[in-house]
Amino acid sequence: MAKLVLDLHDIFNKGDQIEKALREVIDEAVAKKIDLVEIIPGKGSGQLKKKVLRFLDQKEIKALYHRVDKDSKNFGRLFVHFQHKDKRKKR
């Protein structure tokens, strides 16, 4: 299973770059039919994680992925799962 990783540590205080990076990794996952994107906002105060979750909750973004999981072992990590139509098994 292929996966992309986006580590937001370097741009945590640059709001415009955060949204751009999130959009780019989501678009890349869709274009390359990647199954999983791991987003690392880090632990910190939780504000960056909330920003990421708000971004992912936008209607036009939500339509692109299947589900989001929070890592139960690491508070500073999120997993975005994709289901690509042509990869699903036909019944």
N, C-alpha and C. Protein backbone atom coordinates (compact mmCIF):
# COMPACT_ATOMS: atom_id res chain seq x y z
N MET A 1 0.85 -1.18 0.00
CA MET A 1 0.00 0.00 0.00
C MET A 1 0.89 1.24 0.00
N ALA A 2 0.69 2.08 -0.98
CA ALA A 2 1.47 3.32 -1.09
C ALA A 2 0.91 4.37 -0.14
N LYS A 3 1.84 5.20 0.37
CA LYS A 3 1.39 6.26 1.26
C LYS A 3 2.25 7.50 1.06
N LEU A 4 1.65 8.65 1.33
CA LEU A 4 2.35 9.93 1.33
C LEU A 4 2.42 10.43 2.76
N VAL A 5 3.47 11.17 3.08
CA VAL A 5 3.63 11.73 4.42
C VAL A 5 3.81 13.24 4.29
N LEU A 6 3.04 13.99 5.09
CA LEU A 6 3.18 15.44 5.16
C LEU A 6 3.50 15.83 6.60
N ASP A 7 4.71 16.31 6.82
CA ASP A 7 5.14 16.74 8.14
C ASP A 7 5.04 18.26 8.19
N LEU A 8 4.19 18.77 9.06
CA LEU A 8 3.94 20.21 9.13
C LEU A 8 4.81 20.93 10.15
N HIS A 9 5.78 20.26 10.74
CA HIS A 9 6.63 20.90 11.76
C HIS A 9 7.32 22.16 11.25
N ASP A 10 7.83 22.13 10.02
CA ASP A 10 8.60 23.26 9.49
C ASP A 10 7.74 24.48 9.15
N ILE A 11 6.45 24.28 8.93
CA ILE A 11 5.60 25.42 8.53
C ILE A 11 4.45 25.64 9.50
N PHE A 12 4.60 25.18 10.74
CA PHE A 12 3.50 25.21 11.71
C PHE A 12 2.92 26.61 11.95
N ASN A 13 3.71 27.66 11.74
CA ASN A 13 3.22 29.02 12.02
C ASN A 13 2.99 29.82 10.75
N LYS A 14 2.85 29.16 9.63
CA LYS A 14 2.63 29.83 8.34
C LYS A 14 1.33 29.32 7.75
N GLY A 15 0.23 29.92 8.16
CA GLY A 15 -1.11 29.46 7.80
C GLY A 15 -1.34 29.25 6.33
N ASP A 16 -0.89 30.20 5.49
CA ASP A 16 -1.11 30.07 4.05
C ASP A 16 -0.36 28.88 3.47
N GLN A 17 0.85 28.63 3.96
CA GLN A 17 1.64 27.50 3.48
C GLN A 17 1.06 26.16 3.95
N ILE A 18 0.45 26.16 5.13
CA ILE A 18 -0.17 24.94 5.66
C ILE A 18 -1.31 24.51 4.74
N GLU A 19 -2.20 25.43 4.42
CA GLU A 19 -3.33 25.10 3.54
C GLU A 19 -2.85 24.65 2.16
N LYS A 20 -1.82 25.32 1.64
CA LYS A 20 -1.27 24.97 0.33
C LYS A 20 -0.68 23.56 0.37
N ALA A 21 0.09 23.25 1.41
CA ALA A 21 0.70 21.93 1.54
C ALA A 21 -0.36 20.83 1.68
N LEU A 22 -1.41 21.11 2.46
CA LEU A 22 -2.49 20.14 2.63
C LEU A 22 -3.19 19.89 1.30
N ARG A 23 -3.49 20.96 0.59
CA ARG A 23 -4.17 20.83 -0.71
C ARG A 23 -3.30 20.03 -1.69
N GLU A 24 -2.00 20.32 -1.70
CA GLU A 24 -1.10 19.63 -2.62
C GLU A 24 -1.01 18.14 -2.32
N VAL A 25 -0.93 17.77 -1.05
CA VAL A 25 -0.80 16.35 -0.72
C VAL A 25 -2.11 15.60 -1.01
N ILE A 26 -3.24 16.23 -0.78
CA ILE A 26 -4.54 15.61 -1.10
C ILE A 26 -4.66 15.44 -2.61
N ASP A 27 -4.32 16.49 -3.37
CA ASP A 27 -4.39 16.42 -4.83
C ASP A 27 -3.45 15.34 -5.38
N GLU A 28 -2.24 15.25 -4.80
CA GLU A 28 -1.29 14.24 -5.25
C GLU A 28 -1.82 12.83 -4.97
N ALA A 29 -2.41 12.63 -3.81
CA ALA A 29 -2.98 11.32 -3.47
C ALA A 29 -4.07 10.92 -4.45
N VAL A 30 -4.91 11.87 -4.81
CA VAL A 30 -5.99 11.59 -5.76
C VAL A 30 -5.41 11.29 -7.14
N ALA A 31 -4.47 12.13 -7.59
CA ALA A 31 -3.90 11.98 -8.93
C ALA A 31 -3.13 10.66 -9.08
N LYS A 32 -2.40 10.28 -8.05
CA LYS A 32 -1.57 9.07 -8.12
C LYS A 32 -2.25 7.84 -7.53
N LYS A 33 -3.51 8.01 -7.12
CA LYS A 33 -4.30 6.92 -6.54
C LYS A 33 -3.60 6.29 -5.33
N ILE A 34 -3.10 7.16 -4.46
CA ILE A 34 -2.45 6.74 -3.21
C ILE A 34 -3.54 6.40 -2.21
N ASP A 35 -3.36 5.32 -1.46
CA ASP A 35 -4.38 4.86 -0.51
C ASP A 35 -4.38 5.60 0.82
N LEU A 36 -3.22 6.12 1.22
CA LEU A 36 -3.10 6.68 2.56
C LEU A 36 -2.19 7.90 2.57
N VAL A 37 -2.64 8.94 3.28
CA VAL A 37 -1.80 10.11 3.53
C VAL A 37 -1.66 10.23 5.05
N GLU A 38 -0.43 10.29 5.50
CA GLU A 38 -0.13 10.50 6.92
C GLU A 38 0.22 11.97 7.09
N ILE A 39 -0.52 12.66 7.94
CA ILE A 39 -0.28 14.08 8.21
C ILE A 39 0.22 14.20 9.64
N ILE A 40 1.36 14.89 9.79
CA ILE A 40 1.97 15.03 11.11
C ILE A 40 1.94 16.51 11.51
N PRO A 41 0.89 16.90 12.25
CA PRO A 41 0.86 18.28 12.74
C PRO A 41 1.72 18.43 14.01
N GLY A 42 2.07 17.34 14.63
CA GLY A 42 2.84 17.38 15.88
C GLY A 42 1.92 17.48 17.08
N LYS A 43 2.49 17.31 18.24
CA LYS A 43 1.68 17.29 19.46
C LYS A 43 1.33 18.71 19.92
N GLY A 44 2.27 19.48 20.33
CA GLY A 44 2.05 20.87 20.70
C GLY A 44 0.78 21.11 21.48
N SER A 45 0.15 22.25 21.21
CA SER A 45 -1.08 22.63 21.92
C SER A 45 -2.33 22.02 21.28
N GLY A 46 -2.18 21.47 20.10
CA GLY A 46 -3.33 20.89 19.40
C GLY A 46 -3.98 21.84 18.42
N GLN A 47 -3.52 23.08 18.35
CA GLN A 47 -4.12 24.06 17.46
C GLN A 47 -3.90 23.71 15.99
N LEU A 48 -2.70 23.26 15.67
CA LEU A 48 -2.41 22.90 14.27
C LEU A 48 -3.23 21.69 13.85
N LYS A 49 -3.37 20.72 14.75
CA LYS A 49 -4.18 19.54 14.44
C LYS A 49 -5.63 19.96 14.18
N LYS A 50 -6.14 20.90 14.98
CA LYS A 50 -7.51 21.40 14.77
C LYS A 50 -7.63 22.09 13.42
N LYS A 51 -6.61 22.85 13.04
CA LYS A 51 -6.60 23.53 11.75
C LYS A 51 -6.64 22.51 10.61
N VAL A 52 -5.85 21.45 10.73
CA VAL A 52 -5.82 20.39 9.72
C VAL A 52 -7.19 19.72 9.63
N LEU A 53 -7.78 19.40 10.77
CA LEU A 53 -9.11 18.75 10.77
C LEU A 53 -10.17 19.67 10.17
N ARG A 54 -10.09 20.97 10.45
CA ARG A 54 -11.04 21.91 9.83
C ARG A 54 -10.86 21.94 8.31
N PHE A 55 -9.61 21.91 7.87
CA PHE A 55 -9.33 21.87 6.43
C PHE A 55 -9.96 20.61 5.81
N LEU A 56 -9.72 19.47 6.44
CA LEU A 56 -10.23 18.20 5.92
C LEU A 56 -11.75 18.12 5.97
N ASP A 57 -12.37 18.92 6.82
CA ASP A 57 -13.83 18.88 6.97
C ASP A 57 -14.55 19.76 5.94
N GLN A 58 -13.83 20.50 5.13
CA GLN A 58 -14.46 21.31 4.10
C GLN A 58 -15.14 20.40 3.08
N LYS A 59 -16.32 20.81 2.65
CA LYS A 59 -17.14 19.96 1.78
C LYS A 59 -16.38 19.49 0.54
N GLU A 60 -15.67 20.40 -0.14
CA GLU A 60 -14.99 20.02 -1.39
C GLU A 60 -13.77 19.12 -1.14
N ILE A 61 -13.18 19.21 0.04
CA ILE A 61 -12.05 18.35 0.39
C ILE A 61 -12.57 16.99 0.84
N LYS A 62 -13.61 17.02 1.65
CA LYS A 62 -14.19 15.78 2.19
C LYS A 62 -14.66 14.84 1.08
N ALA A 63 -15.05 15.40 -0.03
CA ALA A 63 -15.52 14.59 -1.16
C ALA A 63 -14.38 13.79 -1.81
N LEU A 64 -13.14 14.15 -1.51
CA LEU A 64 -11.99 13.52 -2.16
C LEU A 64 -11.45 12.30 -1.42
N TYR A 65 -11.77 12.16 -0.13
CA TYR A 65 -11.22 11.05 0.64
C TYR A 65 -12.32 10.22 1.28
N HIS A 66 -11.92 9.05 1.79
CA HIS A 66 -12.88 8.11 2.38
C HIS A 66 -13.10 8.37 3.87
N ARG A 67 -12.00 8.45 4.64
CA ARG A 67 -12.15 8.69 6.08
C ARG A 67 -10.83 9.21 6.67
N VAL A 68 -10.93 9.78 7.88
CA VAL A 68 -9.77 10.26 8.63
C VAL A 68 -9.71 9.51 9.94
N ASP A 69 -8.53 9.00 10.28
CA ASP A 69 -8.31 8.35 11.57
C ASP A 69 -7.27 9.13 12.35
N LYS A 70 -7.53 9.26 13.65
CA LYS A 70 -6.53 9.84 14.55
C LYS A 70 -5.72 8.67 15.10
N ASP A 71 -4.41 8.84 15.14
CA ASP A 71 -3.54 7.78 15.65
C ASP A 71 -3.76 7.63 17.15
N SER A 72 -4.15 6.45 17.58
CA SER A 72 -4.44 6.22 19.00
C SER A 72 -3.16 6.18 19.84
N LYS A 73 -2.03 5.94 19.20
CA LYS A 73 -0.77 5.86 19.93
C LYS A 73 0.05 7.15 19.87
N ASN A 74 -0.29 8.02 18.93
CA ASN A 74 0.47 9.25 18.74
C ASN A 74 -0.50 10.40 18.45
N PHE A 75 -0.73 11.26 19.44
CA PHE A 75 -1.68 12.36 19.32
C PHE A 75 -1.35 13.30 18.16
N GLY A 76 -0.09 13.36 17.76
CA GLY A 76 0.34 14.31 16.74
C GLY A 76 0.35 13.77 15.33
N ARG A 77 -0.52 12.79 15.04
CA ARG A 77 -0.53 12.19 13.71
C ARG A 77 -1.95 11.84 13.29
N LEU A 78 -2.25 12.09 12.02
CA LEU A 78 -3.55 11.78 11.42
C LEU A 78 -3.34 10.93 10.17
N PHE A 79 -4.30 10.07 9.88
CA PHE A 79 -4.26 9.27 8.67
C PHE A 79 -5.50 9.59 7.83
N VAL A 80 -5.28 9.91 6.57
CA VAL A 80 -6.38 10.17 5.64
C VAL A 80 -6.40 9.01 4.65
N HIS A 81 -7.51 8.29 4.63
CA HIS A 81 -7.66 7.11 3.77
C HIS A 81 -8.46 7.46 2.53
N PHE A 82 -8.02 6.91 1.40
CA PHE A 82 -8.69 7.15 0.12
C PHE A 82 -9.20 5.84 -0.44
N GLN A 83 -10.31 5.90 -1.14
CA GLN A 83 -10.83 4.75 -1.91
C GLN A 83 -11.02 5.26 -3.33
N HIS A 84 -10.22 4.76 -4.22
CA HIS A 84 -10.29 5.19 -5.61
C HIS A 84 -11.23 4.27 -6.37
N LYS A 85 -12.11 4.86 -7.14
CA LYS A 85 -13.16 4.11 -7.81
C LYS A 85 -12.64 2.94 -8.64
N ASP A 86 -11.59 3.14 -9.42
CA ASP A 86 -11.12 2.07 -10.28
C ASP A 86 -10.32 1.01 -9.52
N LYS A 87 -10.00 1.26 -8.25
CA LYS A 87 -9.28 0.26 -7.45
C LYS A 87 -10.25 -0.64 -6.68
N ARG A 88 -11.50 -0.20 -6.51
CA ARG A 88 -12.47 -1.01 -5.78
C ARG A 88 -12.80 -2.26 -6.57
N LYS A 89 -13.05 -3.34 -5.87
CA LYS A 89 -13.43 -4.58 -6.53
C LYS A 89 -14.86 -4.47 -7.04
N LYS A 90 -15.05 -4.92 -8.27
CA LYS A 90 -16.41 -4.90 -8.84
C LYS A 90 -17.12 -6.16 -8.44
N ARG A 91 -18.39 -6.02 -8.15
CA ARG A 91 -19.18 -7.18 -7.71
C ARG A 91 -20.21 -7.53 -8.74
